[in-house]
Amino acid sequence: MTVELDPAFPISSYTVRRADGTPVGTADFVVMSDAREERIFFHTEVYQIFGGGDLVELLVSKALTDSIRDRAVVVPLCPMFARHLRAHGDTFTARGGVFRRPIPDDMGVITRATLGDT
């Protein structure tokens, strides 16, 4: 399995693919840029038939590692990202990661992005 980033506008994704290139899961996010880039992760989906829980962990880990490298703030609107950060947030921040709690405006950003009103 590999995880690849598709940096698209307005919605970017991390995609888990099998060795044959078949996608088996995605983690979608919207990038907000102000003083510091924020990545609002709002939807993660994996196909259970391919080992759902392990794939979620693979997706989340890759996305968080890249966010540390890119000095981006993670906003865990997606329940899978929120659950991971509740359990492992101290480790994430110790490695240099930054995250914040979602606020109501974040949902508006996601709504506008999914409707193409950016």
PDB file of N, CA and C in Angstrom:
ATOM      1  N   MET A   1       0.840  -1.181   0.000  1.00  0.00           N
ATOM      2  CA  MET A   1       0.000   0.000   0.000  1.00  0.00           C
ATOM      3  C   MET A   1       0.885   1.244   0.000  1.00  0.00           C
ATOM      4  N   THR A   2       0.440   2.237  -0.758  1.00  0.00           N
ATOM      5  CA  THR A   2       1.126   3.525  -0.777  1.00  0.00           C
ATOM      6  C   THR A   2       0.103   4.613  -0.493  1.00  0.00           C
ATOM      7  N   VAL A   3       0.579   5.735   0.012  1.00  0.00           N
ATOM      8  CA  VAL A   3      -0.273   6.902   0.235  1.00  0.00           C
ATOM      9  C   VAL A   3       0.293   8.039  -0.596  1.00  0.00           C
ATOM     10  N   GLU A   4      -0.572   8.622  -1.425  1.00  0.00           N
ATOM     11  CA  GLU A   4      -0.159   9.717  -2.296  1.00  0.00           C
ATOM     12  C   GLU A   4      -1.012  10.945  -2.026  1.00  0.00           C
ATOM     13  N   LEU A   5      -0.391  12.104  -2.149  1.00  0.00           N
ATOM     14  CA  LEU A   5      -1.095  13.375  -1.998  1.00  0.00           C
ATOM     15  C   LEU A   5      -1.526  13.874  -3.362  1.00  0.00           C
ATOM     16  N   ASP A   6      -2.788  14.272  -3.466  1.00  0.00           N
ATOM     17  CA  ASP A   6      -3.300  14.926  -4.661  1.00  0.00           C
ATOM     18  C   ASP A   6      -3.652  16.358  -4.257  1.00  0.00           C
ATOM     19  N   PRO A   7      -2.711  17.306  -4.469  1.00  0.00           N
ATOM     20  CA  PRO A   7      -2.961  18.687  -4.057  1.00  0.00           C
ATOM     21  C   PRO A   7      -3.821  19.418  -5.087  1.00  0.00           C
ATOM     22  N   ALA A   8      -5.111  19.330  -4.937  1.00  0.00           N
ATOM     23  CA  ALA A   8      -6.048  19.955  -5.866  1.00  0.00           C
ATOM     24  C   ALA A   8      -6.704  21.164  -5.204  1.00  0.00           C
ATOM     25  N   PHE A   9      -7.385  21.951  -6.011  1.00  0.00           N
ATOM     26  CA  PHE A   9      -8.115  23.090  -5.471  1.00  0.00           C
ATOM     27  C   PHE A   9      -9.578  22.959  -5.872  1.00  0.00           C
ATOM     28  N   PRO A  10     -10.515  23.086  -5.008  1.00  0.00           N
ATOM     29  CA  PRO A  10     -10.364  23.528  -3.633  1.00  0.00           C
ATOM     30  C   PRO A  10     -10.175  22.384  -2.633  1.00  0.00           C
ATOM     31  N   ILE A  11     -10.350  21.123  -3.068  1.00  0.00           N
ATOM     32  CA  ILE A  11     -10.259  20.003  -2.138  1.00  0.00           C
ATOM     33  C   ILE A  11      -9.075  19.114  -2.511  1.00  0.00           C
ATOM     34  N   SER A  12      -8.158  18.952  -1.572  1.00  0.00           N
ATOM     35  CA  SER A  12      -7.016  18.063  -1.744  1.00  0.00           C
ATOM     36  C   SER A  12      -7.318  16.743  -1.056  1.00  0.00           C
ATOM     37  N   SER A  13      -6.563  15.712  -1.414  1.00  0.00           N
ATOM     38  CA  SER A  13      -6.795  14.387  -0.832  1.00  0.00           C
ATOM     39  C   SER A  13      -5.491  13.622  -0.680  1.00  0.00           C
ATOM     40  N   TYR A  14      -5.471  12.800   0.340  1.00  0.00           N
ATOM     41  CA  TYR A  14      -4.481  11.738   0.444  1.00  0.00           C
ATOM     42  C   TYR A  14      -5.221  10.479   0.025  1.00  0.00           C
ATOM     43  N   THR A  15      -4.595   9.668  -0.826  1.00  0.00           N
ATOM     44  CA  THR A  15      -5.231   8.449  -1.311  1.00  0.00           C
ATOM     45  C   THR A  15      -4.334   7.259  -1.033  1.00  0.00           C
ATOM     46  N   VAL A  16      -4.918   6.232  -0.427  1.00  0.00           N
ATOM     47  CA  VAL A  16      -4.218   4.963  -0.239  1.00  0.00           C
ATOM     48  C   VAL A  16      -4.499   4.114  -1.460  1.00  0.00           C
ATOM     49  N   ARG A  17      -3.425   3.558  -2.033  1.00  0.00           N
ATOM     50  CA  ARG A  17      -3.567   2.711  -3.223  1.00  0.00           C
ATOM     51  C   ARG A  17      -2.883   1.367  -2.996  1.00  0.00           C
ATOM     52  N   ARG A  18      -3.497   0.345  -3.575  1.00  0.00           N
ATOM     53  CA  ARG A  18      -2.861  -0.971  -3.590  1.00  0.00           C
ATOM     54  C   ARG A  18      -1.690  -0.940  -4.565  1.00  0.00           C
ATOM     55  N   ALA A  19      -0.884  -1.980  -4.560  1.00  0.00           N
ATOM     56  CA  ALA A  19       0.278  -2.059  -5.447  1.00  0.00           C
ATOM     57  C   ALA A  19      -0.118  -1.939  -6.915  1.00  0.00           C
ATOM     58  N   ASP A  20      -1.342  -2.376  -7.259  1.00  0.00           N
ATOM     59  CA  ASP A  20      -1.787  -2.293  -8.652  1.00  0.00           C
ATOM     60  C   ASP A  20      -2.387  -0.927  -8.999  1.00  0.00           C
ATOM     61  N   GLY A  21      -2.341   0.015  -8.051  1.00  0.00           N
ATOM     62  CA  GLY A  21      -2.838   1.363  -8.289  1.00  0.00           C
ATOM     63  C   GLY A  21      -4.286   1.599  -7.913  1.00  0.00           C
ATOM     64  N   THR A  22      -4.993   0.548  -7.511  1.00  0.00           N
ATOM     65  CA  THR A  22      -6.394   0.675  -7.131  1.00  0.00           C
ATOM     66  C   THR A  22      -6.529   1.501  -5.851  1.00  0.00           C
ATOM     67  N   PRO A  23      -7.326   2.582  -5.873  1.00  0.00           N
ATOM     68  CA  PRO A  23      -7.536   3.359  -4.644  1.00  0.00           C
ATOM     69  C   PRO A  23      -8.432   2.589  -3.676  1.00  0.00           C
ATOM     70  N   VAL A  24      -8.047   2.597  -2.406  1.00  0.00           N
ATOM     71  CA  VAL A  24      -8.824   1.882  -1.391  1.00  0.00           C
ATOM     72  C   VAL A  24      -9.218   2.776  -0.218  1.00  0.00           C
ATOM     73  N   GLY A  25      -8.843   4.054  -0.279  1.00  0.00           N
ATOM     74  CA  GLY A  25      -9.241   4.979   0.772  1.00  0.00           C
ATOM     75  C   GLY A  25      -8.734   6.372   0.508  1.00  0.00           C
ATOM     76  N   THR A  26      -9.431   7.358   1.068  1.00  0.00           N
ATOM     77  CA  THR A  26      -9.035   8.752   0.908  1.00  0.00           C
ATOM     78  C   THR A  26      -9.254   9.541   2.192  1.00  0.00           C
ATOM     79  N   ALA A  27      -8.467  10.595   2.326  1.00  0.00           N
ATOM     80  CA  ALA A  27      -8.660  11.590   3.386  1.00  0.00           C
ATOM     81  C   ALA A  27      -8.679  12.942   2.689  1.00  0.00           C
ATOM     82  N   ASP A  28      -9.821  13.620   2.747  1.00  0.00           N
ATOM     83  CA  ASP A  28     -10.013  14.884   2.040  1.00  0.00           C
ATOM     84  C   ASP A  28      -9.828  16.067   2.980  1.00  0.00           C
ATOM     85  N   PHE A  29      -9.237  17.135   2.435  1.00  0.00           N
ATOM     86  CA  PHE A  29      -9.033  18.340   3.235  1.00  0.00           C
ATOM     87  C   PHE A  29      -9.036  19.576   2.353  1.00  0.00           C
ATOM     88  N   VAL A  30      -9.274  20.701   2.995  1.00  0.00           N
ATOM     89  CA  VAL A  30      -9.229  22.006   2.348  1.00  0.00           C
ATOM     90  C   VAL A  30      -8.111  22.794   3.014  1.00  0.00           C
ATOM     91  N   VAL A  31      -7.345  23.478   2.198  1.00  0.00           N
ATOM     92  CA  VAL A  31      -6.251  24.299   2.709  1.00  0.00           C
ATOM     93  C   VAL A  31      -6.726  25.741   2.837  1.00  0.00           C
ATOM     94  N   MET A  32      -6.488  26.305   4.001  1.00  0.00           N
ATOM     95  CA  MET A  32      -6.726  27.735   4.229  1.00  0.00           C
ATOM     96  C   MET A  32      -5.365  28.367   4.487  1.00  0.00           C
ATOM     97  N   SER A  33      -5.089  29.425   3.788  1.00  0.00           N
ATOM     98  CA  SER A  33      -3.804  30.097   3.986  1.00  0.00           C
ATOM     99  C   SER A  33      -4.052  31.493   4.529  1.00  0.00           C
ATOM    100  N   ASP A  34      -3.400  31.767   5.610  1.00  0.00           N
ATOM    101  CA  ASP A  34      -3.414  33.088   6.211  1.00  0.00           C
ATOM    102  C   ASP A  34      -1.979  33.329   6.635  1.00  0.00           C
ATOM    103  N   ALA A  35      -1.754  33.577   7.890  1.00  0.00           N
ATOM    104  CA  ALA A  35      -0.392  33.718   8.377  1.00  0.00           C
ATOM    105  C   ALA A  35       0.324  32.366   8.337  1.00  0.00           C
ATOM    106  N   ARG A  36      -0.437  31.300   8.597  1.00  0.00           N
ATOM    107  CA  ARG A  36       0.107  29.943   8.576  1.00  0.00           C
ATOM    108  C   ARG A  36      -0.927  29.030   7.925  1.00  0.00           C
ATOM    109  N   GLU A  37      -0.477  28.149   7.054  1.00  0.00           N
ATOM    110  CA  GLU A  37      -1.393  27.244   6.368  1.00  0.00           C
ATOM    111  C   GLU A  37      -2.133  26.356   7.366  1.00  0.00           C
ATOM    112  N   GLU A  38      -3.435  26.227   7.140  1.00  0.00           N
ATOM    113  CA  GLU A  38      -4.257  25.308   7.917  1.00  0.00           C
ATOM    114  C   GLU A  38      -4.864  24.284   6.974  1.00  0.00           C
ATOM    115  N   ARG A  39      -4.898  23.038   7.414  1.00  0.00           N
ATOM    116  CA  ARG A  39      -5.497  21.958   6.644  1.00  0.00           C
ATOM    117  C   ARG A  39      -6.702  21.438   7.421  1.00  0.00           C
ATOM    118  N   ILE A  40      -7.882  21.688   6.875  1.00  0.00           N
ATOM    119  CA  ILE A  40      -9.114  21.238   7.526  1.00  0.00           C
ATOM    120  C   ILE A  40      -9.467  19.860   6.958  1.00  0.00           C
ATOM    121  N   PHE A  41      -9.192  18.821   7.730  1.00  0.00           N
ATOM    122  CA  PHE A  41      -9.513  17.456   7.323  1.00  0.00           C
ATOM    123  C   PHE A  41     -10.977  17.205   7.672  1.00  0.00           C
ATOM    124  N   PHE A  42     -11.797  16.934   6.644  1.00  0.00           N
ATOM    125  CA  PHE A  42     -13.232  16.844   6.882  1.00  0.00           C
ATOM    126  C   PHE A  42     -13.866  15.521   6.483  1.00  0.00           C
ATOM    127  N   HIS A  43     -13.170  14.678   5.728  1.00  0.00           N
ATOM    128  CA  HIS A  43     -13.778  13.419   5.301  1.00  0.00           C
ATOM    129  C   HIS A  43     -12.698  12.374   5.061  1.00  0.00           C
ATOM    130  N   THR A  44     -12.839  11.238   5.711  1.00  0.00           N
ATOM    131  CA  THR A  44     -11.931  10.111   5.504  1.00  0.00           C
ATOM    132  C   THR A  44     -12.780   8.885   5.276  1.00  0.00           C
ATOM    133  N   GLU A  45     -12.432   8.153   4.236  1.00  0.00           N
ATOM    134  CA  GLU A  45     -13.185   6.946   3.907  1.00  0.00           C
ATOM    135  C   GLU A  45     -12.222   5.872   3.435  1.00  0.00           C
ATOM    136  N   VAL A  46     -12.376   4.677   3.992  1.00  0.00           N
ATOM    137  CA  VAL A  46     -11.584   3.533   3.547  1.00  0.00           C
ATOM    138  C   VAL A  46     -12.519   2.360   3.331  1.00  0.00           C
ATOM    139  N   TYR A  47     -12.124   1.503   2.418  1.00  0.00           N
ATOM    140  CA  TYR A  47     -12.934   0.330   2.116  1.00  0.00           C
ATOM    141  C   TYR A  47     -12.590  -0.774   3.109  1.00  0.00           C
ATOM    142  N   GLN A  48     -13.549  -1.129   3.940  1.00  0.00           N
ATOM    143  CA  GLN A  48     -13.349  -2.104   5.009  1.00  0.00           C
ATOM    144  C   GLN A  48     -12.808  -3.438   4.505  1.00  0.00           C
ATOM    145  N   ILE A  49     -13.178  -3.793   3.312  1.00  0.00           N
ATOM    146  CA  ILE A  49     -12.742  -5.071   2.759  1.00  0.00           C
ATOM    147  C   ILE A  49     -11.212  -5.149   2.641  1.00  0.00           C
ATOM    148  N   PHE A  50     -10.553  -3.983   2.595  1.00  0.00           N
ATOM    149  CA  PHE A  50      -9.099  -3.954   2.465  1.00  0.00           C
ATOM    150  C   PHE A  50      -8.395  -3.721   3.799  1.00  0.00           C
ATOM    151  N   GLY A  51      -9.101  -3.784   4.902  1.00  0.00           N
ATOM    152  CA  GLY A  51      -8.466  -3.615   6.205  1.00  0.00           C
ATOM    153  C   GLY A  51      -8.653  -2.233   6.778  1.00  0.00           C
ATOM    154  N   GLY A  52      -9.873  -1.780   6.802  1.00  0.00           N
ATOM    155  CA  GLY A  52     -10.261  -0.434   7.191  1.00  0.00           C
ATOM    156  C   GLY A  52      -9.436   0.262   8.243  1.00  0.00           C
ATOM    157  N   GLY A  53      -9.357  -0.297   9.446  1.00  0.00           N
ATOM    158  CA  GLY A  53      -8.678   0.380  10.547  1.00  0.00           C
ATOM    159  C   GLY A  53      -7.214   0.649  10.280  1.00  0.00           C
ATOM    160  N   ASP A  54      -6.520  -0.325   9.705  1.00  0.00           N
ATOM    161  CA  ASP A  54      -5.105  -0.142   9.394  1.00  0.00           C
ATOM    162  C   ASP A  54      -4.915   0.931   8.325  1.00  0.00           C
ATOM    163  N   LEU A  55      -5.824   0.981   7.368  1.00  0.00           N
ATOM    164  CA  LEU A  55      -5.716   1.985   6.306  1.00  0.00           C
ATOM    165  C   LEU A  55      -5.987   3.383   6.836  1.00  0.00           C
ATOM    166  N   VAL A  56      -6.930   3.497   7.750  1.00  0.00           N
ATOM    167  CA  VAL A  56      -7.190   4.807   8.374  1.00  0.00           C
ATOM    168  C   VAL A  56      -5.925   5.279   9.072  1.00  0.00           C
ATOM    169  N   GLU A  57      -5.305   4.405   9.833  1.00  0.00           N
ATOM    170  CA  GLU A  57      -4.076   4.762  10.545  1.00  0.00           C
ATOM    171  C   GLU A  57      -2.980   5.180   9.558  1.00  0.00           C
ATOM    172  N   LEU A  58      -2.857   4.470   8.454  1.00  0.00           N
ATOM    173  CA  LEU A  58      -1.872   4.797   7.430  1.00  0.00           C
ATOM    174  C   LEU A  58      -2.143   6.181   6.838  1.00  0.00           C
ATOM    175  N   LEU A  59      -3.394   6.454   6.488  1.00  0.00           N
ATOM    176  CA  LEU A  59      -3.772   7.761   5.933  1.00  0.00           C
ATOM    177  C   LEU A  59      -3.508   8.893   6.920  1.00  0.00           C
ATOM    178  N   VAL A  60      -4.003   8.728   8.125  1.00  0.00           N
ATOM    179  CA  VAL A  60      -3.873   9.781   9.137  1.00  0.00           C
ATOM    180  C   VAL A  60      -2.395  10.032   9.449  1.00  0.00           C
ATOM    181  N   SER A  61      -1.632   8.964   9.604  1.00  0.00           N
ATOM    182  CA  SER A  61      -0.204   9.127   9.925  1.00  0.00           C
ATOM    183  C   SER A  61       0.539   9.879   8.838  1.00  0.00           C
ATOM    184  N   LYS A  62       0.294   9.531   7.576  1.00  0.00           N
ATOM    185  CA  LYS A  62       0.959  10.211   6.464  1.00  0.00           C
ATOM    186  C   LYS A  62       0.553  11.686   6.412  1.00  0.00           C
ATOM    187  N   ALA A  63      -0.739  11.960   6.563  1.00  0.00           N
ATOM    188  CA  ALA A  63      -1.221  13.341   6.524  1.00  0.00           C
ATOM    189  C   ALA A  63      -0.617  14.169   7.661  1.00  0.00           C
ATOM    190  N   LEU A  64      -0.535  13.591   8.841  1.00  0.00           N
ATOM    191  CA  LEU A  64       0.019  14.325   9.976  1.00  0.00           C
ATOM    192  C   LEU A  64       1.524  14.518   9.839  1.00  0.00           C
ATOM    193  N   THR A  65       2.223  13.513   9.342  1.00  0.00           N
ATOM    194  CA  THR A  65       3.662  13.640   9.128  1.00  0.00           C
ATOM    195  C   THR A  65       3.954  14.739   8.107  1.00  0.00           C
ATOM    196  N   ASP A  66       3.190  14.753   7.025  1.00  0.00           N
ATOM    197  CA  ASP A  66       3.367  15.808   6.020  1.00  0.00           C
ATOM    198  C   ASP A  66       3.035  17.180   6.595  1.00  0.00           C
ATOM    199  N   SER A  67       2.032  17.252   7.444  1.00  0.00           N
ATOM    200  CA  SER A  67       1.645  18.534   8.043  1.00  0.00           C
ATOM    201  C   SER A  67       2.757  19.065   8.944  1.00  0.00           C
ATOM    202  N   ILE A  68       3.415  18.176   9.658  1.00  0.00           N
ATOM    203  CA  ILE A  68       4.565  18.597  10.474  1.00  0.00           C
ATOM    204  C   ILE A  68       5.661  19.135   9.560  1.00  0.00           C
ATOM    205  N   ARG A  69       5.990  18.372   8.526  1.00  0.00           N
ATOM    206  CA  ARG A  69       7.047  18.771   7.595  1.00  0.00           C
ATOM    207  C   ARG A  69       6.738  20.127   6.949  1.00  0.00           C
ATOM    208  N   ASP A  70       5.469  20.341   6.597  1.00  0.00           N
ATOM    209  CA  ASP A  70       5.064  21.566   5.904  1.00  0.00           C
ATOM    210  C   ASP A  70       4.698  22.702   6.855  1.00  0.00           C
ATOM    211  N   ARG A  71       4.804  22.443   8.151  1.00  0.00           N
ATOM    212  CA  ARG A  71       4.479  23.439   9.188  1.00  0.00           C
ATOM    213  C   ARG A  71       3.047  23.945   9.068  1.00  0.00           C
ATOM    214  N   ALA A  72       2.148  23.028   8.738  1.00  0.00           N
ATOM    215  CA  ALA A  72       0.728  23.360   8.593  1.00  0.00           C
ATOM    216  C   ALA A  72      -0.019  23.009   9.877  1.00  0.00           C
ATOM    217  N   VAL A  73      -1.002  23.807  10.191  1.00  0.00           N
ATOM    218  CA  VAL A  73      -1.873  23.552  11.335  1.00  0.00           C
ATOM    219  C   VAL A  73      -2.962  22.576  10.884  1.00  0.00           C
ATOM    220  N   VAL A  74      -3.183  21.529  11.651  1.00  0.00           N
ATOM    221  CA  VAL A  74      -4.209  20.534  11.351  1.00  0.00           C
ATOM    222  C   VAL A  74      -5.488  20.901  12.086  1.00  0.00           C
ATOM    223  N   VAL A  75      -6.594  20.868  11.364  1.00  0.00           N
ATOM    224  CA  VAL A  75      -7.919  21.102  11.952  1.00  0.00           C
ATOM    225  C   VAL A  75      -8.716  19.811  11.747  1.00  0.00           C
ATOM    226  N   PRO A  76      -8.919  19.035  12.809  1.00  0.00           N
ATOM    227  CA  PRO A  76      -9.554  17.722  12.690  1.00  0.00           C
ATOM    228  C   PRO A  76     -11.078  17.775  12.733  1.00  0.00           C
ATOM    229  N   LEU A  77     -11.694  18.198  11.640  1.00  0.00           N
ATOM    230  CA  LEU A  77     -13.148  18.193  11.552  1.00  0.00           C
ATOM    231  C   LEU A  77     -13.655  16.760  11.367  1.00  0.00           C
ATOM    232  N   CYS A  78     -12.892  15.948  10.664  1.00  0.00           N
ATOM    233  CA  CYS A  78     -13.220  14.536  10.451  1.00  0.00           C
ATOM    234  C   CYS A  78     -13.095  13.777  11.778  1.00  0.00           C
ATOM    235  N   PRO A  79     -14.083  12.948  12.129  1.00  0.00           N
ATOM    236  CA  PRO A  79     -14.015  12.198  13.381  1.00  0.00           C
ATOM    237  C   PRO A  79     -12.795  11.285  13.498  1.00  0.00           C
ATOM    238  N   MET A  80     -12.312  10.748  12.384  1.00  0.00           N
ATOM    239  CA  MET A  80     -11.151   9.853  12.453  1.00  0.00           C
ATOM    240  C   MET A  80      -9.886  10.616  12.828  1.00  0.00           C
ATOM    241  N   PHE A  81      -9.723  11.824  12.289  1.00  0.00           N
ATOM    242  CA  PHE A  81      -8.575  12.647  12.660  1.00  0.00           C
ATOM    243  C   PHE A  81      -8.720  13.132  14.101  1.00  0.00           C
ATOM    244  N   ALA A  82      -9.924  13.523  14.480  1.00  0.00           N
ATOM    245  CA  ALA A  82     -10.154  13.987  15.855  1.00  0.00           C
ATOM    246  C   ALA A  82      -9.860  12.880  16.860  1.00  0.00           C
ATOM    247  N   ARG A  83     -10.306  11.669  16.572  1.00  0.00           N
ATOM    248  CA  ARG A  83     -10.066  10.524  17.465  1.00  0.00           C
ATOM    249  C   ARG A  83      -8.569  10.257  17.587  1.00  0.00           C
ATOM    250  N   HIS A  84      -7.869  10.280  16.471  1.00  0.00           N
ATOM    251  CA  HIS A  84      -6.430  10.028  16.491  1.00  0.00           C
ATOM    252  C   HIS A  84      -5.709  11.083  17.333  1.00  0.00           C
ATOM    253  N   LEU A  85      -6.067  12.346  17.150  1.00  0.00           N
ATOM    254  CA  LEU A  85      -5.394  13.406  17.891  1.00  0.00           C
ATOM    255  C   LEU A  85      -5.769  13.414  19.368  1.00  0.00           C
ATOM    256  N   ARG A  86      -6.966  12.963  19.702  1.00  0.00           N
ATOM    257  CA  ARG A  86      -7.308  12.822  21.125  1.00  0.00           C
ATOM    258  C   ARG A  86      -6.398  11.789  21.776  1.00  0.00           C
ATOM    259  N   ALA A  87      -6.135  10.715  21.075  1.00  0.00           N
ATOM    260  CA  ALA A  87      -5.315   9.635  21.626  1.00  0.00           C
ATOM    261  C   ALA A  87      -3.819   9.916  21.509  1.00  0.00           C
ATOM    262  N   HIS A  88      -3.398  10.594  20.449  1.00  0.00           N
ATOM    263  CA  HIS A  88      -1.966  10.740  20.169  1.00  0.00           C
ATOM    264  C   HIS A  88      -1.531  12.188  19.971  1.00  0.00           C
ATOM    265  N   GLY A  89      -2.353  13.127  20.405  1.00  0.00           N
ATOM    266  CA  GLY A  89      -2.033  14.539  20.207  1.00  0.00           C
ATOM    267  C   GLY A  89      -0.727  14.973  20.851  1.00  0.00           C
ATOM    268  N   ASP A  90      -0.417  14.433  22.034  1.00  0.00           N
ATOM    269  CA  ASP A  90       0.829  14.805  22.702  1.00  0.00           C
ATOM    270  C   ASP A  90       2.044  14.374  21.883  1.00  0.00           C
ATOM    271  N   THR A  91       1.966  13.198  21.295  1.00  0.00           N
ATOM    272  CA  THR A  91       3.059  12.710  20.449  1.00  0.00           C
ATOM    273  C   THR A  91       3.192  13.577  19.202  1.00  0.00           C
ATOM    274  N   PHE A  92       2.051  13.926  18.610  1.00  0.00           N
ATOM    275  CA  PHE A  92       2.046  14.780  17.416  1.00  0.00           C
ATOM    276  C   PHE A  92       2.696  16.125  17.717  1.00  0.00           C
ATOM    277  N   THR A  93       2.308  16.762  18.799  1.00  0.00           N
ATOM    278  CA  THR A  93       2.878  18.071  19.132  1.00  0.00           C
ATOM    279  C   THR A  93       4.345  17.957  19.549  1.00  0.00           C
ATOM    280  N   ALA A  94       4.724  16.859  20.197  1.00  0.00           N
ATOM    281  CA  ALA A  94       6.124  16.669  20.579  1.00  0.00           C
ATOM    282  C   ALA A  94       7.019  16.547  19.347  1.00  0.00           C
ATOM    283  N   ARG A  95       6.460  16.067  18.253  1.00  0.00           N
ATOM    284  CA  ARG A  95       7.211  15.940  16.998  1.00  0.00           C
ATOM    285  C   ARG A  95       7.194  17.245  16.191  1.00  0.00           C
ATOM    286  N   GLY A  96       6.548  18.280  16.718  1.00  0.00           N
ATOM    287  CA  GLY A  96       6.519  19.575  16.046  1.00  0.00           C
ATOM    288  C   GLY A  96       5.196  19.917  15.393  1.00  0.00           C
ATOM    289  N   GLY A  97       4.211  19.042  15.535  1.00  0.00           N
ATOM    290  CA  GLY A  97       2.903  19.284  14.942  1.00  0.00           C
ATOM    291  C   GLY A  97       2.086  20.295  15.714  1.00  0.00           C
ATOM    292  N   VAL A  98       1.161  20.916  14.997  1.00  0.00           N
ATOM    293  CA  VAL A  98       0.248  21.886  15.606  1.00  0.00           C
ATOM    294  C   VAL A  98      -1.155  21.567  15.119  1.00  0.00           C
ATOM    295  N   PHE A  99      -2.098  21.558  16.048  1.00  0.00           N
ATOM    296  CA  PHE A  99      -3.491  21.401  15.660  1.00  0.00           C
ATOM    297  C   PHE A  99      -4.348  22.288  16.532  1.00  0.00           C
ATOM    298  N   ARG A 100      -5.540  22.577  16.030  1.00  0.00           N
ATOM    299  CA  ARG A 100      -6.507  23.370  16.794  1.00  0.00           C
ATOM    300  C   ARG A 100      -7.872  22.720  16.655  1.00  0.00           C
ATOM    301  N   ARG A 101      -8.725  23.049  17.584  1.00  0.00           N
ATOM    302  CA  ARG A 101     -10.098  22.547  17.529  1.00  0.00           C
ATOM    303  C   ARG A 101     -10.857  23.229  16.396  1.00  0.00           C
ATOM    304  N   PRO A 102     -11.763  22.492  15.767  1.00  0.00           N
ATOM    305  CA  PRO A 102     -12.597  23.119  14.740  1.00  0.00           C
ATOM    306  C   PRO A 102     -13.501  24.192  15.347  1.00  0.00           C
ATOM    307  N   ILE A 103     -13.808  25.190  14.545  1.00  0.00           N
ATOM    308  CA  ILE A 103     -14.751  26.233  14.935  1.00  0.00           C
ATOM    309  C   ILE A 103     -15.877  26.250  13.899  1.00  0.00           C
ATOM    310  N   PRO A 104     -17.012  26.860  14.205  1.00  0.00           N
ATOM    311  CA  PRO A 104     -18.131  26.854  13.257  1.00  0.00           C
ATOM    312  C   PRO A 104     -17.770  27.375  11.864  1.00  0.00           C
ATOM    313  N   ASP A 105     -16.894  28.355  11.765  1.00  0.00           N
ATOM    314  CA  ASP A 105     -16.513  28.890  10.457  1.00  0.00           C
ATOM    315  C   ASP A 105     -15.861  27.839   9.563  1.00  0.00           C
ATOM    316  N   ASP A 106     -15.221  26.841  10.171  1.00  0.00           N
ATOM    317  CA  ASP A 106     -14.573  25.791   9.384  1.00  0.00           C
ATOM    318  C   ASP A 106     -15.588  25.025   8.541  1.00  0.00           C
ATOM    319  N   MET A 107     -16.762  24.802   9.074  1.00  0.00           N
ATOM    320  CA  MET A 107     -17.799  24.099   8.320  1.00  0.00           C
ATOM    321  C   MET A 107     -18.234  24.930   7.121  1.00  0.00           C
ATOM    322  N   GLY A 108     -18.276  26.229   7.276  1.00  0.00           N
ATOM    323  CA  GLY A 108     -18.593  27.103   6.150  1.00  0.00           C
ATOM    324  C   GLY A 108     -17.546  27.020   5.059  1.00  0.00           C
ATOM    325  N   VAL A 109     -16.284  26.929   5.444  1.00  0.00           N
ATOM    326  CA  VAL A 109     -15.200  26.786   4.470  1.00  0.00           C
ATOM    327  C   VAL A 109     -15.378  25.489   3.679  1.00  0.00           C
ATOM    328  N   ILE A 110     -15.695  24.412   4.371  1.00  0.00           N
ATOM    329  CA  ILE A 110     -15.888  23.113   3.718  1.00  0.00           C
ATOM    330  C   ILE A 110     -17.106  23.159   2.795  1.00  0.00           C
ATOM    331  N   THR A 111     -18.188  23.745   3.268  1.00  0.00           N
ATOM    332  CA  THR A 111     -19.403  23.844   2.455  1.00  0.00           C
ATOM    333  C   THR A 111     -19.135  24.615   1.174  1.00  0.00           C
ATOM    334  N   ARG A 112     -18.464  25.750   1.283  1.00  0.00           N
ATOM    335  CA  ARG A 112     -18.151  26.541   0.093  1.00  0.00           C
ATOM    336  C   ARG A 112     -17.237  25.771  -0.853  1.00  0.00           C
ATOM    337  N   ALA A 113     -16.265  25.047  -0.323  1.00  0.00           N
ATOM    338  CA  ALA A 113     -15.343  24.277  -1.166  1.00  0.00           C
ATOM    339  C   ALA A 113     -16.068  23.158  -1.898  1.00  0.00           C
ATOM    340  N   THR A 114     -16.947  22.453  -1.216  1.00  0.00           N
ATOM    341  CA  THR A 114     -17.663  21.345  -1.877  1.00  0.00           C
ATOM    342  C   THR A 114     -18.659  21.847  -2.897  1.00  0.00           C
ATOM    343  N   LEU A 115     -19.152  23.041  -2.711  1.00  0.00           N
ATOM    344  CA  LEU A 115     -20.096  23.620  -3.688  1.00  0.00           C
ATOM    345  C   LEU A 115     -19.373  24.385  -4.791  1.00  0.00           C
ATOM    346  N   GLY A 116     -18.059  24.539  -4.643  1.00  0.00           N
ATOM    347  CA  GLY A 116     -17.292  25.261  -5.647  1.00  0.00           C
ATOM    348  C   GLY A 116     -17.370  26.764  -5.501  1.00  0.00           C
ATOM    349  N   ASP A 117     -17.778  27.231  -4.333  1.00  0.00           N
ATOM    350  CA  ASP A 117     -17.917  28.676  -4.082  1.00  0.00           C
ATOM    351  C   ASP A 117     -16.731  29.202  -3.289  1.00  0.00           C
ATOM    352  N   THR A 118     -15.519  29.036  -3.790  1.00  0.00           N
ATOM    353  CA  THR A 118     -14.346  29.474  -3.026  1.00  0.00           C
ATOM    354  C   THR A 118     -13.938  30.876  -3.355  1.00  0.00           C
TER     355      THR A 118
END
